[in-house]
C-alpha atoms as a PDB file:
ATOM      1  CA  MET A   1      -3.511  42.806-106.666  1.00  0.00           C
ATOM      2  CA  GLU A   2      -2.596  42.813-102.810  1.00  0.00           C
ATOM      3  CA  ASN A   3      -5.922  42.193-100.466  1.00  0.00           C
ATOM      4  CA  ASN A   4      -5.971  45.199 -98.066  1.00  0.00           C
ATOM      5  CA  LYS A   5      -8.816  44.339 -96.135  1.00  0.00           C
ATOM      6  CA  ILE A   6      -9.222  44.005 -92.383  1.00  0.00           C
ATOM      7  CA  LEU A   7     -11.788  42.593 -90.598  1.00  0.00           C
ATOM      8  CA  VAL A   8     -12.209  44.523 -87.203  1.00  0.00           C
ATOM      9  CA  MET A   9     -14.578  42.804 -84.832  1.00  0.00           C
ATOM     10  CA  ASN A  10     -15.582  44.405 -81.384  1.00  0.00           C
ATOM     11  CA  PHE A  11     -16.579  42.633 -78.262  1.00  0.00           C
ATOM     12  CA  ILE A  12     -17.728  43.205 -74.940  1.00  0.00           C
ATOM     13  CA  SER A  13     -15.913  41.336 -72.245  1.00  0.00           C
ATOM     14  CA  LYS A  14     -17.236  39.734 -69.004  1.00  0.00           C
ATOM     15  CA  GLU A  15     -16.184  42.849 -67.028  1.00  0.00           C
ATOM     16  CA  GLY A  16     -17.888  45.185 -69.734  1.00  0.00           C
ATOM     17  CA  THR A  17     -14.779  46.307 -71.443  1.00  0.00           C
ATOM     18  CA  LYS A  18     -14.701  46.414 -75.213  1.00  0.00           C
ATOM     19  CA  SER A  19     -11.976  44.515 -76.978  1.00  0.00           C
ATOM     20  CA  SER A  20     -11.249  44.350 -80.666  1.00  0.00           C
ATOM     21  CA  VAL A  21      -9.981  41.313 -82.683  1.00  0.00           C
ATOM     22  CA  LYS A  22      -8.531  41.983 -86.333  1.00  0.00           C
ATOM     23  CA  VAL A  23      -8.094  39.544 -89.165  1.00  0.00           C
ATOM     24  CA  GLU A  24      -6.048  40.797 -92.125  1.00  0.00           C
ATOM     25  CA  HIS A  25      -6.441  39.755 -95.646  1.00  0.00           C
ATOM     26  CA  VAL A  26      -9.989  38.799 -95.439  1.00  0.00           C
ATOM     27  CA  ARG A  27     -11.728  37.417 -98.461  1.00  0.00           C
ATOM     28  CA  GLU A  28     -13.443  39.279-100.988  1.00  0.00           C
ATOM     29  CA  ASP A  29     -16.767  37.592-101.065  1.00  0.00           C
ATOM     30  CA  LEU A  30     -16.888  37.914 -97.254  1.00  0.00           C
ATOM     31  CA  MET A  31     -20.801  37.961 -95.946  1.00  0.00           C
ATOM     32  CA  ARG A  32     -22.359  39.312 -92.962  1.00  0.00           C
ATOM     33  CA  GLU A  33     -23.481  35.736 -92.090  1.00  0.00           C
ATOM     34  CA  ASP A  34     -19.799  34.716 -92.216  1.00  0.00           C
ATOM     35  CA  VAL A  35     -18.626  37.420 -89.859  1.00  0.00           C
ATOM     36  CA  VAL A  36     -21.571  36.761 -87.556  1.00  0.00           C
ATOM     37  CA  GLU A  37     -20.949  33.001 -87.398  1.00  0.00           C
ATOM     38  CA  LEU A  38     -16.992  33.780 -86.550  1.00  0.00           C
ATOM     39  CA  MET A  39     -17.828  36.274 -83.664  1.00  0.00           C
ATOM     40  CA  ASP A  40     -20.459  33.696 -82.453  1.00  0.00           C
ATOM     41  CA  ASN A  41     -17.841  30.671 -82.342  1.00  0.00           C
ATOM     42  CA  ILE A  42     -15.386  33.055 -80.857  1.00  0.00           C
ATOM     43  CA  ILE A  43     -17.515  33.874 -77.945  1.00  0.00           C
ATOM     44  CA  SER A  44     -19.216  30.119 -77.425  1.00  0.00           C
ATOM     45  CA  LYS A  45     -15.805  28.314 -77.805  1.00  0.00           C
ATOM     46  CA  GLY A  46     -13.934  30.673 -75.346  1.00  0.00           C
ATOM     47  CA  LEU A  47     -11.356  31.032 -78.185  1.00  0.00           C
ATOM     48  CA  ILE A  48      -9.972  34.895 -77.252  1.00  0.00           C
ATOM     49  CA  THR A  49      -9.799  36.490 -73.711  1.00  0.00           C
ATOM     50  CA  SER A  50      -8.976  39.952 -72.903  1.00  0.00           C
ATOM     51  CA  LYS A  51      -7.650  41.942 -69.913  1.00  0.00           C
ATOM     52  CA  GLY A  52     -11.477  42.206 -69.233  1.00  0.00           C
ATOM     53  CA  GLY A  53     -11.798  38.314 -69.235  1.00  0.00           C
ATOM     54  CA  GLN A  54     -13.829  36.089 -71.823  1.00  0.00           C
ATOM     55  CA  LEU A  55     -15.646  37.774 -74.508  1.00  0.00           C
ATOM     56  CA  MET A  56     -19.126  37.761 -73.997  1.00  0.00           C
ATOM     57  CA  PHE A  57     -21.154  39.540 -76.423  1.00  0.00           C
ATOM     58  CA  LYS A  58     -20.784  40.911 -80.154  1.00  0.00           C
ATOM     59  CA  ASP A  59     -20.539  44.712 -80.336  1.00  0.00           C
ATOM     60  CA  SER A  60     -19.837  45.639 -83.775  1.00  0.00           C
ATOM     61  CA  ALA A  61     -17.794  44.621 -86.800  1.00  0.00           C
ATOM     62  CA  GLU A  62     -16.573  46.527 -90.016  1.00  0.00           C
ATOM     63  CA  ILE A  63     -14.203  45.914 -92.891  1.00  0.00           C
ATOM     64  CA  ILE A  64     -11.466  48.561 -93.488  1.00  0.00           C
ATOM     65  CA  GLU A  65      -9.345  48.804 -96.693  1.00  0.00           C
ATOM     66  CA  ARG A  66      -6.095  50.287 -96.437  1.00  0.00           C
ATOM     67  CA  GLY A  67      -4.088  51.510 -99.273  1.00  0.00           C
ATOM     68  CA  SER A  68      -0.706  53.283-100.034  1.00  0.00           C
ATOM     69  CA  SER A  69       0.829  55.124-102.901  1.00  0.00           C
ATOM     70  CA  LYS A  70       4.514  54.749-103.700  1.00  0.00           C
ATOM     71  CA  ILE A  71       6.556  58.101-104.073  1.00  0.00           C
ATOM     72  CA  ASP A  72       9.203  57.930-106.785  1.00  0.00           C
ATOM     73  CA  LEU A  73      12.072  59.852-105.407  1.00  0.00           C
ATOM     74  CA  LYS A  74      14.520  59.644-108.486  1.00  0.00           C
END
């Protein structure tokens, strides 16, 4: 079975704008603490910047699960 989970992490930049970082195919056993640690590392190490500058604060995070159903046309 394919993993269709996407982690969406939302940050506030230095200029106060919101930016999102998406990670596809996240682990099934991903815990809140894992997400908090990842977001803290992204901020503290300056790993990602946005048009609004360096990411400064955690805003929110969510896991989205997408799915699809094939349609048999024959």
